[in-house]
Amino acid sequence: MKVPTSFISLTTKMVLKVQPITHFYLREWKERAGRIPDLELRKQALASIAAKKFHCEGGALYGLLAGLHYKDAIAFIVAYQTISDYLDNLCDRSTSQDPEDFRALHESMLQALSPDMPLSDHYRFRREQDDGGYLIALIQTCRQVVRGLPSYHLGSAALEELALFYVDLQVYKHVRKEERLPRLQMWFEGHAKDLPPMAWYEFAACTGSTLGIFCMVSQLFNPSTSAMLIAQMKNVYFPWVQGLHILLDYLIDQEEDRSGQDLNFCSYYENKEKMANRIGYFYHQAQESVACLPDAKFHRLIIRGLLSIYLADHKVTRQKDVRDISGKLLSMGGKEAFFFYLHCWAYRRLTG
């Protein structure tokens, strides 16, 4: 199966191949979440699937890199993203602000990538305990997929590196409000020498995406994949593609995060012009950096698609500053991005 190289072929494969299998797996996890014995855990599991299914829908496009094995790749992507969204809900609306609790929960994201790592009690620091095996089932689904990849050893270290960044972010950004900035800034200072020039909140954004993991796992289904290619993918996706992804996510969530008193990285820009310029810079860097990858056209489509998917969200229309920035950003993607934007806009409004 050829990897799409135009928005028409990408949209066709998305509608005919990716979405049906993604929704099939999501229905299975929703049904499983509905059987969680603990009321609060069940509530957050179901809410995460209902509100954030578009994370799985978008991420599942990377399954197309796996060729004929796209269903297995999507099974991994949906399970891994469901872990991410479920834990994000548990931490955002937590009955605890204990960093040990957040780290214990997110051990699951490392265990999902490491078939031989012992499983732990992920709820050991919180009141809610009984999820009926929901989180373990998600982990085991991911493990089953990666265990079947003969060349998985080529990517395991890079995958672990991105997952560790993700776990650290989730711990530091969910602790008590007065502890967040000192922890995040100290974390950044420990990594700044290895990064292109950027602010601490931009680095944090780069760590908060799962796209690099989805990309590398899907690529590992290709028997000709080399360790060098996986290293290139990791360096392309972190920081530029992942940074763009999460900055767009935070851009449209500003109003929602203000009302919920949640941390939003875009709020630290001096003004909306600086914000627009920096997000635009991440976009251009992402587009240039994927040139070294074998399916560069596909990756460029995905990057334009990020603009389309996020800027077509209902939240954009409710925020004047975000509408202004969105117009500038969307113009960078050209006609193809606008075409996909219209598709996403219509899809969002038809499906609620």
Protein backbone atom coordinates (compact mmCIF):
# COMPACT_ATOMS: atom_id res chain seq x y z
CA MET A 1 0.00 0.00 0.00
CA LYS A 2 1.53 3.31 -1.11
CA VAL A 3 2.02 6.11 1.39
CA PRO A 4 -0.15 9.12 0.39
CA THR A 5 1.63 12.03 -1.29
CA SER A 6 -1.31 14.42 -1.81
CA PHE A 7 -4.21 15.61 0.31
CA ILE A 8 -6.66 13.89 -2.04
CA SER A 9 -4.99 10.48 -1.58
CA LEU A 10 -4.49 11.16 2.15
CA THR A 11 -8.15 12.10 2.62
CA THR A 12 -9.29 9.06 0.63
CA LYS A 13 -7.20 6.66 2.72
CA MET A 14 -8.25 8.46 5.89
CA VAL A 15 -11.95 8.00 5.12
CA LEU A 16 -11.80 4.49 3.64
CA LYS A 17 -9.05 2.84 5.70
CA VAL A 18 -7.88 4.81 8.72
CA GLN A 19 -11.11 6.11 10.26
CA PRO A 20 -13.10 2.84 10.14
CA ILE A 21 -10.41 0.85 11.95
CA THR A 22 -9.70 3.72 14.37
CA HIS A 23 -13.38 3.97 15.29
CA PHE A 24 -13.59 0.19 15.66
CA TYR A 25 -10.80 0.21 18.24
CA LEU A 26 -12.21 3.30 19.98
CA ARG A 27 -15.59 1.59 20.34
CA GLU A 28 -13.87 -1.39 21.94
CA TRP A 29 -12.05 0.82 24.45
CA LYS A 30 -15.18 2.83 25.17
CA GLU A 31 -17.06 -0.38 25.92
CA ARG A 32 -14.22 -1.52 28.19
CA ALA A 33 -14.10 1.88 29.91
CA GLY A 34 -17.83 1.66 30.60
CA ARG A 35 -17.20 -1.44 32.73
CA ILE A 36 -14.63 0.21 35.04
CA PRO A 37 -15.86 -0.44 38.62
CA ASP A 38 -14.58 2.80 40.21
CA LEU A 39 -16.99 5.65 39.42
CA GLU A 40 -14.36 8.41 39.10
CA LEU A 41 -11.98 6.34 36.96
CA ARG A 42 -14.88 5.27 34.74
CA LYS A 43 -16.02 8.88 34.38
CA GLN A 44 -12.58 10.12 33.34
CA ALA A 45 -11.94 7.20 30.97
CA LEU A 46 -15.21 7.76 29.15
CA ALA A 47 -14.77 11.54 29.12
CA SER A 48 -11.30 11.26 27.61
CA ILE A 49 -12.56 9.13 24.73
CA ALA A 50 -15.60 11.35 24.12
CA ALA A 51 -13.70 14.65 24.14
CA LYS A 52 -10.36 13.63 22.65
CA LYS A 53 -11.09 10.99 20.04
CA PHE A 54 -9.73 13.34 17.37
CA HIS A 55 -6.26 12.75 18.90
CA CYS A 56 -6.58 9.10 17.90
CA GLU A 57 -8.12 9.97 14.52
CA GLY A 58 -5.23 12.28 13.66
CA GLY A 59 -2.47 10.11 15.12
CA ALA A 60 -3.79 7.04 13.33
CA LEU A 61 -2.76 8.56 9.98
CA TYR A 62 0.78 7.50 10.86
CA GLY A 63 -0.42 3.92 10.56
CA LEU A 64 -0.20 4.41 6.79
CA LEU A 65 3.61 4.28 7.12
CA ALA A 66 3.20 0.62 8.14
CA GLY A 67 1.90 -0.35 4.70
CA LEU A 68 -0.10 -3.58 4.76
CA HIS A 69 0.34 -3.72 8.55
CA TYR A 70 -1.57 -0.46 9.04
CA LYS A 71 -4.26 -2.11 11.20
CA ASP A 72 -1.66 -3.31 13.71
CA ALA A 73 0.00 0.10 13.75
CA ILE A 74 -3.36 1.79 14.35
CA ALA A 75 -4.16 -0.67 17.16
CA PHE A 76 -0.96 0.52 18.87
CA ILE A 77 -1.63 4.20 18.17
CA VAL A 78 -5.21 4.12 19.48
CA ALA A 79 -4.22 2.21 22.63
CA TYR A 80 -1.20 4.41 23.37
CA GLN A 81 -3.08 7.65 22.73
CA THR A 82 -5.98 6.41 24.86
CA ILE A 83 -3.54 5.88 27.74
CA SER A 84 -2.25 9.42 27.23
CA ASP A 85 -5.70 11.02 27.11
CA TYR A 86 -7.04 9.01 30.06
CA LEU A 87 -4.08 9.89 32.28
CA ASP A 88 -4.25 13.53 31.20
CA ASN A 89 -7.85 13.62 32.40
CA LEU A 90 -6.91 11.93 35.68
CA CYS A 91 -4.16 14.48 36.30
CA ASP A 92 -6.03 17.57 35.08
CA ARG A 93 -9.09 16.79 37.18
CA SER A 94 -7.16 14.99 39.87
CA THR A 95 -8.15 14.23 43.44
CA SER A 96 -4.38 14.42 44.08
CA GLN A 97 -1.53 16.85 43.31
CA ASP A 98 1.16 14.41 44.29
CA PRO A 99 4.05 14.16 41.78
CA GLU A 100 4.65 10.56 42.88
CA ASP A 101 1.06 9.77 41.91
CA PHE A 102 1.46 11.34 38.47
CA ARG A 103 4.73 9.50 37.84
CA ALA A 104 3.24 6.18 38.99
CA LEU A 105 0.31 6.62 36.58
CA HIS A 106 2.61 7.49 33.69
CA GLU A 107 4.90 4.51 34.26
CA SER A 108 2.28 2.84 32.06
CA MET A 109 3.51 4.82 29.03
CA LEU A 110 7.03 3.43 29.45
CA GLN A 111 5.77 -0.09 30.14
CA ALA A 112 3.63 0.03 26.99
CA LEU A 113 6.85 0.44 24.97
CA SER A 114 8.86 -2.16 26.89
CA PRO A 115 7.44 -5.69 26.64
CA ASP A 116 9.84 -7.07 29.26
CA MET A 117 9.44 -4.31 31.86
CA PRO A 118 7.59 -5.48 35.00
CA LEU A 119 4.12 -3.99 35.39
CA SER A 120 3.51 -1.82 38.44
CA ASP A 121 0.51 -0.72 40.50
CA HIS A 122 -0.23 2.51 38.69
CA TYR A 123 -2.84 3.70 41.22
CA ARG A 124 -0.75 3.07 44.33
CA PHE A 125 -0.64 6.74 45.40
CA ARG A 126 -4.30 7.63 44.86
CA ARG A 127 -7.66 6.96 46.43
CA GLU A 128 -9.26 5.52 43.29
CA GLN A 129 -7.90 2.03 42.65
CA ASP A 130 -10.16 -0.35 40.77
CA ASP A 131 -10.19 0.19 36.99
CA GLY A 132 -11.11 -3.42 36.26
CA GLY A 133 -7.83 -3.96 34.39
CA TYR A 134 -8.49 -1.12 31.91
CA LEU A 135 -5.02 0.48 31.99
CA ILE A 136 -3.21 -2.88 31.96
CA ALA A 137 -5.28 -3.94 28.93
CA LEU A 138 -4.20 -0.80 27.07
CA ILE A 139 -0.56 -1.47 27.97
CA GLN A 140 -0.77 -5.11 26.87
CA THR A 141 -2.29 -4.12 23.52
CA CYS A 142 0.68 -1.84 22.83
CA ARG A 143 3.13 -4.52 23.97
CA GLN A 144 1.55 -7.13 21.75
CA VAL A 145 2.12 -4.92 18.71
CA VAL A 146 5.73 -3.94 19.46
CA ARG A 147 6.62 -7.48 20.51
CA GLY A 148 5.74 -8.57 16.97
CA LEU A 149 8.21 -6.15 15.35
CA PRO A 150 11.46 -7.99 14.48
CA SER A 151 13.39 -4.71 14.22
CA TYR A 152 11.92 -3.13 17.35
CA HIS A 153 15.36 -3.04 19.00
CA LEU A 154 16.40 -0.42 16.42
CA GLY A 155 13.89 2.06 17.81
CA SER A 156 13.45 1.12 21.46
CA ALA A 157 15.99 3.64 22.83
CA ALA A 158 14.61 6.55 20.77
CA LEU A 159 11.05 5.66 21.75
CA GLU A 160 12.00 5.49 25.42
CA GLU A 161 13.70 8.90 25.19
CA LEU A 162 10.55 10.58 23.84
CA ALA A 163 8.34 8.74 26.34
CA LEU A 164 10.55 9.84 29.25
CA PHE A 165 10.27 13.45 28.12
CA TYR A 166 6.50 13.05 27.95
CA VAL A 167 6.28 11.50 31.42
CA ASP A 168 8.42 14.23 32.99
CA LEU A 169 6.22 16.92 31.46
CA GLN A 170 3.03 15.35 32.80
CA VAL A 171 4.52 15.23 36.29
CA TYR A 172 5.86 18.79 36.33
CA LYS A 173 2.87 20.51 34.76
CA HIS A 174 0.26 18.92 37.04
CA VAL A 175 1.80 19.54 40.46
CA ARG A 176 0.68 22.38 42.76
CA LYS A 177 0.40 25.70 40.92
CA GLU A 178 3.27 27.34 42.82
CA GLU A 179 5.61 24.43 42.00
CA ARG A 180 4.95 24.19 38.27
CA LEU A 181 7.14 26.96 36.84
CA PRO A 182 10.20 26.27 39.03
CA ARG A 183 10.09 22.56 38.15
CA LEU A 184 9.55 23.18 34.41
CA GLN A 185 12.24 25.86 34.19
CA MET A 186 14.81 23.78 36.07
CA TRP A 187 14.00 20.82 33.80
CA PHE A 188 14.55 23.00 30.73
CA GLU A 189 17.88 24.29 32.06
CA GLY A 190 19.11 20.70 32.26
CA HIS A 191 18.42 20.16 28.53
CA ALA A 192 18.90 23.64 26.99
CA LYS A 193 22.46 22.99 25.79
CA ASP A 194 21.21 20.15 23.53
CA LEU A 195 18.39 22.21 21.96
CA PRO A 196 18.06 24.89 19.28
CA PRO A 197 17.41 28.35 20.79
CA MET A 198 13.96 28.30 22.38
CA ALA A 199 12.08 29.30 25.53
CA TRP A 200 11.38 26.90 28.39
CA TYR A 201 7.67 26.77 27.51
CA GLU A 202 8.49 25.87 23.89
CA PHE A 203 10.71 23.01 25.06
CA ALA A 204 7.87 21.82 27.30
CA ALA A 205 5.53 21.89 24.29
CA CYS A 206 8.01 19.78 22.27
CA THR A 207 7.92 17.07 24.93
CA GLY A 208 4.12 16.89 25.12
CA SER A 209 3.38 15.16 21.81
CA THR A 210 3.10 11.45 21.00
CA LEU A 211 3.53 11.93 17.22
CA GLY A 212 7.20 10.94 17.15
CA ILE A 213 6.37 7.68 18.90
CA PHE A 214 3.55 6.91 16.44
CA CYS A 215 5.79 7.75 13.49
CA MET A 216 8.68 5.53 14.62
CA VAL A 217 6.54 2.54 15.63
CA SER A 218 4.74 2.64 12.27
CA GLN A 219 8.04 2.97 10.39
CA LEU A 220 9.43 -0.09 12.22
CA PHE A 221 6.92 -2.28 10.37
CA ASN A 222 9.06 -1.67 7.27
CA PRO A 223 11.76 -4.40 7.20
CA SER A 224 14.26 -2.10 5.47
CA THR A 225 14.17 0.45 8.29
CA SER A 226 17.59 1.25 9.76
CA ALA A 227 18.74 2.58 13.11
CA MET A 228 19.98 5.70 11.29
CA LEU A 229 16.53 6.39 9.84
CA ILE A 230 14.88 6.01 13.26
CA ALA A 231 17.44 8.44 14.73
CA GLN A 232 16.66 10.92 11.92
CA MET A 233 12.93 10.59 12.60
CA LYS A 234 13.41 11.22 16.29
CA ASN A 235 15.51 14.32 15.62
CA VAL A 236 12.99 15.66 13.11
CA TYR A 237 9.92 15.06 15.25
CA PHE A 238 11.62 16.29 18.40
CA PRO A 239 11.66 19.24 18.59
CA TRP A 240 10.04 20.72 15.49
CA VAL A 241 7.01 18.62 14.53
CA GLN A 242 6.07 17.81 18.12
CA GLY A 243 6.58 21.43 19.16
CA LEU A 244 4.29 22.65 16.39
CA HIS A 245 1.69 20.04 17.35
CA ILE A 246 1.45 21.05 21.01
CA LEU A 247 1.74 24.80 20.43
CA LEU A 248 -1.29 24.54 18.12
CA ASP A 249 -3.09 22.49 20.77
CA TYR A 250 -2.40 25.13 23.43
CA LEU A 251 -3.19 27.97 21.02
CA ILE A 252 -6.82 26.88 20.66
CA ASP A 253 -7.17 25.90 24.34
CA GLN A 254 -6.26 29.30 25.80
CA GLU A 255 -9.77 30.37 26.80
CA GLU A 256 -10.60 26.93 28.18
CA ASP A 257 -7.38 26.78 30.20
CA ARG A 258 -7.87 30.27 31.63
CA SER A 259 -11.31 29.33 32.93
CA GLY A 260 -10.01 26.01 34.31
CA GLN A 261 -6.82 27.62 35.71
CA ASP A 262 -4.76 25.08 33.78
CA LEU A 263 -1.21 25.69 32.57
CA ASN A 264 -1.06 26.94 28.97
CA PHE A 265 2.32 27.39 27.30
CA CYS A 266 1.03 29.93 24.78
CA SER A 267 0.15 32.32 27.61
CA TYR A 268 3.88 32.95 28.23
CA TYR A 269 4.49 34.70 24.90
CA GLU A 270 4.92 38.46 25.21
CA ASN A 271 2.12 39.19 22.75
CA LYS A 272 0.06 37.55 20.02
CA GLU A 273 2.47 38.73 17.29
CA LYS A 274 5.40 36.95 18.96
CA MET A 275 3.22 33.87 19.43
CA ALA A 276 2.19 33.81 15.76
CA ASN A 277 5.78 34.31 14.61
CA ARG A 278 7.16 31.53 16.80
CA ILE A 279 4.46 29.02 15.86
CA GLY A 280 5.10 29.95 12.23
CA TYR A 281 8.83 29.39 12.80
CA PHE A 282 8.15 25.92 14.21
CA TYR A 283 5.99 25.20 11.16
CA HIS A 284 8.74 26.20 8.70
CA GLN A 285 11.42 24.30 10.63
CA ALA A 286 9.23 21.20 10.69
CA GLN A 287 8.60 21.40 6.95
CA GLU A 288 12.30 21.81 6.16
CA SER A 289 13.54 19.14 8.56
CA VAL A 290 11.42 16.30 7.14
CA ALA A 291 13.23 16.59 3.79
CA CYS A 292 15.73 13.95 4.97
CA LEU A 293 13.02 11.31 5.50
CA PRO A 294 12.08 8.70 2.83
CA ASP A 295 8.39 9.69 2.68
CA ALA A 296 9.02 13.43 2.96
CA LYS A 297 5.85 14.34 1.03
CA PHE A 298 3.73 12.35 3.46
CA HIS A 299 5.34 14.02 6.47
CA ARG A 300 4.85 17.46 4.92
CA LEU A 301 1.17 16.62 4.40
CA ILE A 302 0.89 15.65 8.06
CA ILE A 303 2.48 18.93 9.13
CA ARG A 304 0.05 20.93 6.96
CA GLY A 305 -2.68 18.68 8.30
CA LEU A 306 -1.83 19.73 11.87
CA LEU A 307 -2.64 23.31 10.91
CA SER A 308 -5.92 22.20 9.34
CA ILE A 309 -7.05 19.88 12.13
CA TYR A 310 -6.44 22.32 14.98
CA LEU A 311 -7.51 25.51 13.25
CA ALA A 312 -10.82 23.91 12.17
CA ASP A 313 -11.75 23.35 15.82
CA HIS A 314 -14.90 24.98 17.24
CA LYS A 315 -12.76 26.69 19.90
CA VAL A 316 -11.09 28.93 17.30
CA THR A 317 -14.29 30.77 16.37
CA ARG A 318 -14.89 31.77 20.01
CA GLN A 319 -11.53 33.56 20.45
CA LYS A 320 -10.81 36.68 18.38
CA ASP A 321 -7.04 36.67 18.93
CA VAL A 322 -6.88 32.99 18.00
CA ARG A 323 -8.97 33.61 14.85
CA ASP A 324 -6.52 36.32 13.77
CA ILE A 325 -3.48 34.10 14.33
CA SER A 326 -5.21 31.12 12.71
CA GLY A 327 -5.70 32.97 9.44
CA LYS A 328 -1.98 33.79 9.26
CA LEU A 329 -0.93 30.26 10.10
CA LEU A 330 -3.34 28.60 7.68
CA SER A 331 -2.04 30.76 4.82
CA MET A 332 1.41 29.23 5.37
CA GLY A 333 0.06 25.81 4.43
CA GLY A 334 -1.19 27.00 1.04
CA LYS A 335 -4.07 25.59 -1.00
CA GLU A 336 -3.58 22.01 0.17
CA ALA A 337 -3.84 22.98 3.83
CA PHE A 338 -6.97 25.03 3.09
CA PHE A 339 -8.54 22.08 1.27
CA PHE A 340 -7.89 19.80 4.24
CA TYR A 341 -9.06 22.55 6.61
CA LEU A 342 -12.45 22.62 4.84
CA HIS A 343 -12.68 18.83 5.13
CA CYS A 344 -11.85 18.96 8.86
CA TRP A 345 -14.21 21.91 9.43
CA ALA A 346 -17.12 20.06 7.83
CA TYR A 347 -16.28 16.77 9.59
CA ARG A 348 -16.14 18.43 13.01
CA ARG A 349 -19.52 20.07 12.53
CA LEU A 350 -21.19 16.98 11.12
CA THR A 351 -19.93 14.72 13.92
CA GLY A 352 -20.35 17.24 16.75
